[in-house]
Amino acid sequence: MKRRGLHCGALVCLLLAVACERRPNPETATAELCDEIAELAAYMQQHPLSDSMTVGQAQEMREEIQDQVKEIRQAAGQVEAARVHALEEANDRLATKVDRLPPDLPVGVAADSVRSEVEAVSAARASLNSDVQCVVRAGQ
């Protein structure tokens, strides 16, 4: 019976590790995106279009570039997902902290106690905003 518990515990750890791997943090996801972009740049520099290329060589080049663009698109999606996840986590921490405040706590004390969580939400929002280069309208 004890052996079965170890297998289940190991399985839970493995599943958690896999779940964590799928959610890179924004910095890791950005680094991966930059690597993919650099790979495309290196490929294009090493394989310049030339008048002496055959149509077959040009098609091979197009296919390789197309594959690399797909990799960039996937990596960019991971950056976006990581940024949104960071915002969600910051929001969850703020909600938890606010929900745990006693109802008779003075507003000033309450504000001071959640200030760092509010700042984390603001920082995550700003990071997401800069990634997608949104234009923030006045009053928003």
N, C-alpha and C. Protein backbone atom coordinates (compact mmCIF):
# COMPACT_ATOMS: atom_id res chain seq x y z
N MET A 1 0.83 -1.20 0.00
CA MET A 1 0.00 0.00 0.00
C MET A 1 0.87 1.25 0.00
N LYS A 2 1.94 1.22 0.78
CA LYS A 2 2.83 2.37 0.84
C LYS A 2 3.46 2.64 -0.52
N ARG A 3 3.78 1.59 -1.22
CA ARG A 3 4.39 1.72 -2.54
C ARG A 3 3.46 2.45 -3.51
N ARG A 4 2.17 2.16 -3.44
CA ARG A 4 1.19 2.81 -4.31
C ARG A 4 1.14 4.32 -4.03
N GLY A 5 1.22 4.68 -2.76
CA GLY A 5 1.23 6.08 -2.39
C GLY A 5 2.43 6.81 -2.96
N LEU A 6 3.57 6.14 -2.98
CA LEU A 6 4.76 6.75 -3.56
C LEU A 6 4.59 6.98 -5.04
N HIS A 7 3.98 6.01 -5.73
CA HIS A 7 3.76 6.18 -7.17
C HIS A 7 2.82 7.34 -7.44
N CYS A 8 1.75 7.44 -6.66
CA CYS A 8 0.81 8.55 -6.84
C CYS A 8 1.47 9.88 -6.53
N GLY A 9 2.27 9.91 -5.46
CA GLY A 9 2.99 11.14 -5.12
C GLY A 9 3.96 11.55 -6.21
N ALA A 10 4.66 10.59 -6.76
CA ALA A 10 5.60 10.87 -7.84
C ALA A 10 4.85 11.37 -9.07
N LEU A 11 3.69 10.78 -9.33
CA LEU A 11 2.88 11.19 -10.47
C LEU A 11 2.40 12.63 -10.30
N VAL A 12 1.96 12.97 -9.11
CA VAL A 12 1.52 14.35 -8.84
C VAL A 12 2.68 15.31 -9.05
N CYS A 13 3.86 14.97 -8.54
CA CYS A 13 5.03 15.83 -8.73
C CYS A 13 5.37 16.00 -10.21
N LEU A 14 5.29 14.90 -10.95
CA LEU A 14 5.58 14.95 -12.38
C LEU A 14 4.57 15.84 -13.10
N LEU A 15 3.29 15.69 -12.77
CA LEU A 15 2.25 16.52 -13.40
C LEU A 15 2.45 17.99 -13.07
N LEU A 16 2.80 18.28 -11.82
CA LEU A 16 3.05 19.68 -11.45
C LEU A 16 4.26 20.23 -12.20
N ALA A 17 5.29 19.42 -12.34
CA ALA A 17 6.48 19.87 -13.06
C ALA A 17 6.16 20.16 -14.52
N VAL A 18 5.35 19.29 -15.14
CA VAL A 18 4.96 19.50 -16.53
C VAL A 18 4.11 20.76 -16.65
N ALA A 19 3.18 20.96 -15.73
CA ALA A 19 2.33 22.16 -15.77
C ALA A 19 3.16 23.41 -15.62
N CYS A 20 4.13 23.38 -14.74
CA CYS A 20 4.99 24.55 -14.56
C CYS A 20 5.85 24.81 -15.79
N GLU A 21 6.28 23.73 -16.45
CA GLU A 21 7.09 23.89 -17.65
C GLU A 21 6.31 24.56 -18.77
N ARG A 22 5.03 24.29 -18.84
CA ARG A 22 4.21 24.85 -19.91
C ARG A 22 3.94 26.33 -19.72
N ARG A 23 4.16 26.83 -18.52
CA ARG A 23 3.91 28.24 -18.23
C ARG A 23 5.22 28.93 -17.91
N PRO A 24 5.96 29.28 -18.95
CA PRO A 24 7.22 29.97 -18.65
C PRO A 24 6.93 31.35 -18.09
N ASN A 25 7.86 31.85 -17.32
CA ASN A 25 7.66 33.21 -16.82
C ASN A 25 7.90 34.16 -17.99
N PRO A 26 7.47 35.41 -17.86
CA PRO A 26 7.59 36.35 -18.98
C PRO A 26 9.03 36.51 -19.48
N GLU A 27 9.99 36.51 -18.58
CA GLU A 27 11.38 36.71 -18.99
C GLU A 27 11.89 35.52 -19.79
N THR A 28 11.57 34.30 -19.34
CA THR A 28 12.00 33.10 -20.06
C THR A 28 11.33 33.03 -21.43
N ALA A 29 10.03 33.31 -21.46
CA ALA A 29 9.30 33.28 -22.73
C ALA A 29 9.85 34.32 -23.70
N THR A 30 10.18 35.49 -23.19
CA THR A 30 10.75 36.55 -24.04
C THR A 30 12.11 36.13 -24.58
N ALA A 31 12.92 35.50 -23.73
CA ALA A 31 14.24 35.03 -24.17
C ALA A 31 14.10 33.99 -25.28
N GLU A 32 13.12 33.09 -25.13
CA GLU A 32 12.88 32.08 -26.16
C GLU A 32 12.43 32.73 -27.46
N LEU A 33 11.59 33.74 -27.38
CA LEU A 33 11.15 34.45 -28.58
C LEU A 33 12.34 35.12 -29.25
N CYS A 34 13.17 35.75 -28.47
CA CYS A 34 14.36 36.41 -29.03
C CYS A 34 15.28 35.40 -29.71
N ASP A 35 15.42 34.22 -29.11
CA ASP A 35 16.24 33.17 -29.73
C ASP A 35 15.66 32.75 -31.08
N GLU A 36 14.35 32.61 -31.14
CA GLU A 36 13.70 32.21 -32.40
C GLU A 36 13.90 33.29 -33.48
N ILE A 37 13.77 34.54 -33.09
CA ILE A 37 13.96 35.64 -34.04
C ILE A 37 15.42 35.67 -34.52
N ALA A 38 16.35 35.44 -33.60
CA ALA A 38 17.77 35.41 -33.96
C ALA A 38 18.07 34.26 -34.93
N GLU A 39 17.42 33.11 -34.71
CA GLU A 39 17.61 31.98 -35.62
C GLU A 39 17.17 32.33 -37.03
N LEU A 40 16.05 33.00 -37.15
CA LEU A 40 15.57 33.40 -38.47
C LEU A 40 16.55 34.38 -39.11
N ALA A 41 17.00 35.34 -38.33
CA ALA A 41 17.96 36.32 -38.86
C ALA A 41 19.24 35.63 -39.34
N ALA A 42 19.73 34.68 -38.53
CA ALA A 42 20.95 33.96 -38.90
C ALA A 42 20.74 33.14 -40.17
N TYR A 43 19.61 32.47 -40.27
CA TYR A 43 19.31 31.68 -41.45
C TYR A 43 19.28 32.56 -42.70
N MET A 44 18.58 33.69 -42.58
CA MET A 44 18.46 34.57 -43.74
C MET A 44 19.81 35.18 -44.13
N GLN A 45 20.65 35.41 -43.15
CA GLN A 45 21.98 35.95 -43.46
C GLN A 45 22.85 34.88 -44.12
N GLN A 46 22.72 33.65 -43.68
CA GLN A 46 23.53 32.56 -44.22
C GLN A 46 23.02 32.05 -45.56
N HIS A 47 21.78 32.35 -45.87
CA HIS A 47 21.16 31.88 -47.12
C HIS A 47 20.54 33.06 -47.87
N PRO A 48 21.35 33.96 -48.35
CA PRO A 48 20.78 35.12 -49.06
C PRO A 48 20.22 34.70 -50.43
N LEU A 49 19.21 35.39 -50.83
CA LEU A 49 18.63 35.16 -52.16
C LEU A 49 19.66 35.57 -53.20
N SER A 50 19.84 34.73 -54.20
CA SER A 50 20.81 35.09 -55.24
C SER A 50 20.26 34.70 -56.61
N ASP A 51 20.79 35.36 -57.63
CA ASP A 51 20.35 35.09 -59.00
C ASP A 51 20.74 33.69 -59.45
N SER A 52 21.72 33.09 -58.80
CA SER A 52 22.16 31.76 -59.22
C SER A 52 21.36 30.62 -58.57
N MET A 53 20.41 30.97 -57.71
CA MET A 53 19.58 29.94 -57.07
C MET A 53 18.64 29.30 -58.08
N THR A 54 18.35 28.04 -57.84
CA THR A 54 17.32 27.38 -58.64
C THR A 54 15.97 27.63 -57.97
N VAL A 55 14.92 27.37 -58.71
CA VAL A 55 13.58 27.52 -58.14
C VAL A 55 13.43 26.56 -56.96
N GLY A 56 13.98 25.36 -57.06
CA GLY A 56 13.92 24.39 -55.98
C GLY A 56 14.61 24.92 -54.72
N GLN A 57 15.76 25.55 -54.88
CA GLN A 57 16.47 26.12 -53.73
C GLN A 57 15.66 27.26 -53.10
N ALA A 58 15.03 28.05 -53.95
CA ALA A 58 14.20 29.15 -53.44
C ALA A 58 13.00 28.59 -52.69
N GLN A 59 12.43 27.49 -53.17
CA GLN A 59 11.30 26.88 -52.48
C GLN A 59 11.74 26.29 -51.13
N GLU A 60 12.91 25.68 -51.10
CA GLU A 60 13.45 25.16 -49.84
C GLU A 60 13.66 26.30 -48.84
N MET A 61 14.18 27.42 -49.33
CA MET A 61 14.41 28.58 -48.47
C MET A 61 13.07 29.09 -47.93
N ARG A 62 12.07 29.18 -48.81
CA ARG A 62 10.76 29.63 -48.38
C ARG A 62 10.17 28.71 -47.32
N GLU A 63 10.32 27.40 -47.50
CA GLU A 63 9.80 26.45 -46.52
C GLU A 63 10.50 26.60 -45.17
N GLU A 64 11.81 26.77 -45.20
CA GLU A 64 12.55 26.93 -43.94
C GLU A 64 12.13 28.23 -43.24
N ILE A 65 12.01 29.29 -44.00
CA ILE A 65 11.57 30.57 -43.42
C ILE A 65 10.16 30.43 -42.86
N GLN A 66 9.29 29.76 -43.60
CA GLN A 66 7.91 29.56 -43.15
C GLN A 66 7.89 28.78 -41.82
N ASP A 67 8.71 27.74 -41.72
CA ASP A 67 8.79 26.96 -40.48
C ASP A 67 9.29 27.82 -39.32
N GLN A 68 10.28 28.64 -39.58
CA GLN A 68 10.82 29.49 -38.53
C GLN A 68 9.83 30.57 -38.11
N VAL A 69 9.04 31.07 -39.04
CA VAL A 69 8.01 32.06 -38.70
C VAL A 69 6.95 31.40 -37.81
N LYS A 70 6.62 30.15 -38.07
CA LYS A 70 5.68 29.43 -37.20
C LYS A 70 6.24 29.32 -35.79
N GLU A 71 7.53 29.01 -35.68
CA GLU A 71 8.18 28.92 -34.36
C GLU A 71 8.13 30.27 -33.64
N ILE A 72 8.35 31.34 -34.39
CA ILE A 72 8.29 32.69 -33.80
C ILE A 72 6.87 32.98 -33.32
N ARG A 73 5.88 32.61 -34.13
CA ARG A 73 4.48 32.84 -33.75
C ARG A 73 4.16 32.09 -32.46
N GLN A 74 4.60 30.86 -32.34
CA GLN A 74 4.36 30.07 -31.13
C GLN A 74 5.06 30.69 -29.93
N ALA A 75 6.31 31.10 -30.12
CA ALA A 75 7.06 31.72 -29.02
C ALA A 75 6.42 33.03 -28.60
N ALA A 76 5.93 33.81 -29.56
CA ALA A 76 5.26 35.07 -29.23
C ALA A 76 3.99 34.79 -28.43
N GLY A 77 3.27 33.73 -28.78
CA GLY A 77 2.09 33.35 -28.02
C GLY A 77 2.43 32.98 -26.59
N GLN A 78 3.59 32.34 -26.39
CA GLN A 78 4.03 32.00 -25.05
C GLN A 78 4.37 33.25 -24.24
N VAL A 79 4.95 34.24 -24.90
CA VAL A 79 5.25 35.50 -24.21
C VAL A 79 3.94 36.14 -23.75
N GLU A 80 2.99 36.20 -24.64
CA GLU A 80 1.69 36.81 -24.32
C GLU A 80 1.01 36.03 -23.19
N ALA A 81 1.01 34.71 -23.30
CA ALA A 81 0.38 33.88 -22.26
C ALA A 81 1.06 34.08 -20.91
N ALA A 82 2.38 34.18 -20.91
CA ALA A 82 3.12 34.38 -19.66
C ALA A 82 2.80 35.74 -19.06
N ARG A 83 2.71 36.76 -19.90
CA ARG A 83 2.38 38.10 -19.39
C ARG A 83 0.97 38.13 -18.80
N VAL A 84 0.01 37.51 -19.49
CA VAL A 84 -1.36 37.48 -19.00
C VAL A 84 -1.40 36.66 -17.70
N HIS A 85 -0.68 35.55 -17.67
CA HIS A 85 -0.63 34.72 -16.46
C HIS A 85 -0.06 35.52 -15.29
N ALA A 86 0.97 36.31 -15.53
CA ALA A 86 1.56 37.14 -14.47
C ALA A 86 0.53 38.14 -13.94
N LEU A 87 -0.27 38.71 -14.83
CA LEU A 87 -1.33 39.65 -14.42
C LEU A 87 -2.39 38.91 -13.61
N GLU A 88 -2.79 37.74 -14.06
CA GLU A 88 -3.79 36.96 -13.32
C GLU A 88 -3.30 36.60 -11.92
N GLU A 89 -2.03 36.18 -11.83
CA GLU A 89 -1.48 35.83 -10.52
C GLU A 89 -1.44 37.03 -9.58
N ALA A 90 -1.03 38.18 -10.11
CA ALA A 90 -0.98 39.39 -9.29
C ALA A 90 -2.39 39.76 -8.83
N ASN A 91 -3.36 39.64 -9.71
CA ASN A 91 -4.75 39.92 -9.36
C ASN A 91 -5.24 38.96 -8.29
N ASP A 92 -4.91 37.69 -8.42
CA ASP A 92 -5.33 36.69 -7.42
C ASP A 92 -4.74 36.99 -6.05
N ARG A 93 -3.45 37.39 -6.02
CA ARG A 93 -2.81 37.73 -4.74
C ARG A 93 -3.49 38.94 -4.11
N LEU A 94 -3.84 39.94 -4.93
CA LEU A 94 -4.53 41.12 -4.42
C LEU A 94 -5.90 40.74 -3.87
N ALA A 95 -6.65 39.95 -4.61
CA ALA A 95 -7.99 39.54 -4.17
C ALA A 95 -7.92 38.78 -2.85
N THR A 96 -6.97 37.88 -2.74
CA THR A 96 -6.81 37.09 -1.51
C THR A 96 -6.49 38.00 -0.33
N LYS A 97 -5.58 38.93 -0.56
CA LYS A 97 -5.18 39.84 0.53
C LYS A 97 -6.36 40.72 0.95
N VAL A 98 -7.09 41.26 0.00
CA VAL A 98 -8.23 42.13 0.32
C VAL A 98 -9.32 41.32 1.02
N ASP A 99 -9.58 40.11 0.56
CA ASP A 99 -10.61 39.28 1.18
C ASP A 99 -10.29 38.93 2.63
N ARG A 100 -9.02 38.94 2.97
CA ARG A 100 -8.61 38.59 4.34
C ARG A 100 -8.57 39.79 5.29
N LEU A 101 -8.82 40.97 4.77
CA LEU A 101 -8.81 42.16 5.63
C LEU A 101 -10.05 42.17 6.52
N PRO A 102 -9.87 42.51 7.79
CA PRO A 102 -11.04 42.61 8.67
C PRO A 102 -11.92 43.79 8.25
N PRO A 103 -13.23 43.65 8.31
CA PRO A 103 -14.14 44.70 7.84
C PRO A 103 -14.05 46.00 8.64
N ASP A 104 -13.56 45.95 9.86
CA ASP A 104 -13.49 47.16 10.68
C ASP A 104 -12.12 47.86 10.60
N LEU A 105 -11.26 47.40 9.71
CA LEU A 105 -9.94 48.00 9.54
C LEU A 105 -10.07 49.37 8.89
N PRO A 106 -9.40 50.40 9.41
CA PRO A 106 -9.46 51.73 8.79
C PRO A 106 -8.92 51.68 7.34
N VAL A 107 -9.49 52.50 6.49
CA VAL A 107 -9.14 52.51 5.07
C VAL A 107 -7.65 52.75 4.86
N GLY A 108 -7.06 53.68 5.58
CA GLY A 108 -5.64 53.97 5.41
C GLY A 108 -4.76 52.77 5.72
N VAL A 109 -5.07 52.06 6.77
CA VAL A 109 -4.32 50.87 7.15
C VAL A 109 -4.52 49.78 6.10
N ALA A 110 -5.75 49.63 5.64
CA ALA A 110 -6.06 48.63 4.62
C ALA A 110 -5.29 48.93 3.33
N ALA A 111 -5.28 50.19 2.94
CA ALA A 111 -4.57 50.59 1.72
C ALA A 111 -3.09 50.29 1.85
N ASP A 112 -2.50 50.60 3.00
CA ASP A 112 -1.08 50.32 3.21
C ASP A 112 -0.78 48.83 3.15
N SER A 113 -1.70 48.02 3.64
CA SER A 113 -1.45 46.58 3.70
C SER A 113 -1.57 45.89 2.34
N VAL A 114 -2.25 46.50 1.39
CA VAL A 114 -2.38 45.89 0.06
C VAL A 114 -1.62 46.65 -1.03
N ARG A 115 -0.90 47.68 -0.62
CA ARG A 115 -0.19 48.52 -1.60
C ARG A 115 0.73 47.71 -2.51
N SER A 116 1.52 46.78 -1.96
CA SER A 116 2.46 46.02 -2.79
C SER A 116 1.72 45.14 -3.80
N GLU A 117 0.56 44.60 -3.42
CA GLU A 117 -0.21 43.78 -4.35
C GLU A 117 -0.81 44.64 -5.47
N VAL A 118 -1.26 45.83 -5.13
CA VAL A 118 -1.79 46.74 -6.15
C VAL A 118 -0.67 47.15 -7.11
N GLU A 119 0.50 47.41 -6.57
CA GLU A 119 1.66 47.76 -7.41
C GLU A 119 2.05 46.60 -8.32
N ALA A 120 1.93 45.36 -7.81
CA ALA A 120 2.24 44.18 -8.64
C ALA A 120 1.26 44.06 -9.80
N VAL A 121 -0.03 44.32 -9.54
CA VAL A 121 -1.03 44.29 -10.61
C VAL A 121 -0.71 45.37 -11.64
N SER A 122 -0.36 46.55 -11.15
CA SER A 122 -0.02 47.65 -12.05
C SER A 122 1.20 47.32 -12.91
N ALA A 123 2.22 46.72 -12.29
CA ALA A 123 3.43 46.36 -13.03
C ALA A 123 3.14 45.28 -14.08
N ALA A 124 2.33 44.30 -13.72
CA ALA A 124 1.97 43.24 -14.67
C ALA A 124 1.15 43.80 -15.82
N ARG A 125 0.24 44.74 -15.51
CA ARG A 125 -0.55 45.37 -16.56
C ARG A 125 0.33 46.18 -17.49
N ALA A 126 1.28 46.91 -16.91
CA ALA A 126 2.19 47.72 -17.73
C ALA A 126 3.06 46.83 -18.62
N SER A 127 3.48 45.70 -18.09
CA SER A 127 4.29 44.78 -18.88
C SER A 127 3.49 44.22 -20.04
N LEU A 128 2.27 43.82 -19.77
CA LEU A 128 1.40 43.32 -20.83
C LEU A 128 1.12 44.42 -21.85
N ASN A 129 0.87 45.63 -21.36
CA ASN A 129 0.60 46.76 -22.24
C ASN A 129 1.79 47.05 -23.16
N SER A 130 3.00 47.00 -22.62
CA SER A 130 4.17 47.29 -23.45
C SER A 130 4.41 46.17 -24.46
N ASP A 131 4.07 44.93 -24.11
CA ASP A 131 4.24 43.82 -25.06
C ASP A 131 3.36 43.99 -26.28
N VAL A 132 2.13 44.41 -26.05
CA VAL A 132 1.21 44.56 -27.18
C VAL A 132 1.16 46.00 -27.67
N GLN A 133 1.91 46.86 -27.03
CA GLN A 133 2.04 48.27 -27.38
C GLN A 133 0.67 48.95 -27.52
N CYS A 134 -0.11 48.78 -26.46
CA CYS A 134 -1.44 49.41 -26.44
C CYS A 134 -1.29 50.92 -26.23
N VAL A 135 -2.24 51.64 -26.74
CA VAL A 135 -2.33 53.07 -26.48
C VAL A 135 -3.37 53.24 -25.38
N VAL A 136 -2.93 53.72 -24.24
CA VAL A 136 -3.85 53.90 -23.12
C VAL A 136 -4.50 55.26 -23.26
N ARG A 137 -5.83 55.28 -23.27
CA ARG A 137 -6.56 56.54 -23.41
C ARG A 137 -6.65 57.25 -22.07
N ALA A 138 -6.75 58.53 -22.11
CA ALA A 138 -6.85 59.34 -20.89
C ALA A 138 -8.03 58.85 -20.06
N GLY A 139 -7.81 58.78 -18.76
CA GLY A 139 -8.87 58.37 -17.85
C GLY A 139 -8.99 56.86 -17.70
N GLN A 140 -8.10 56.10 -18.33
CA GLN A 140 -8.18 54.64 -18.23
C GLN A 140 -6.96 54.09 -17.55
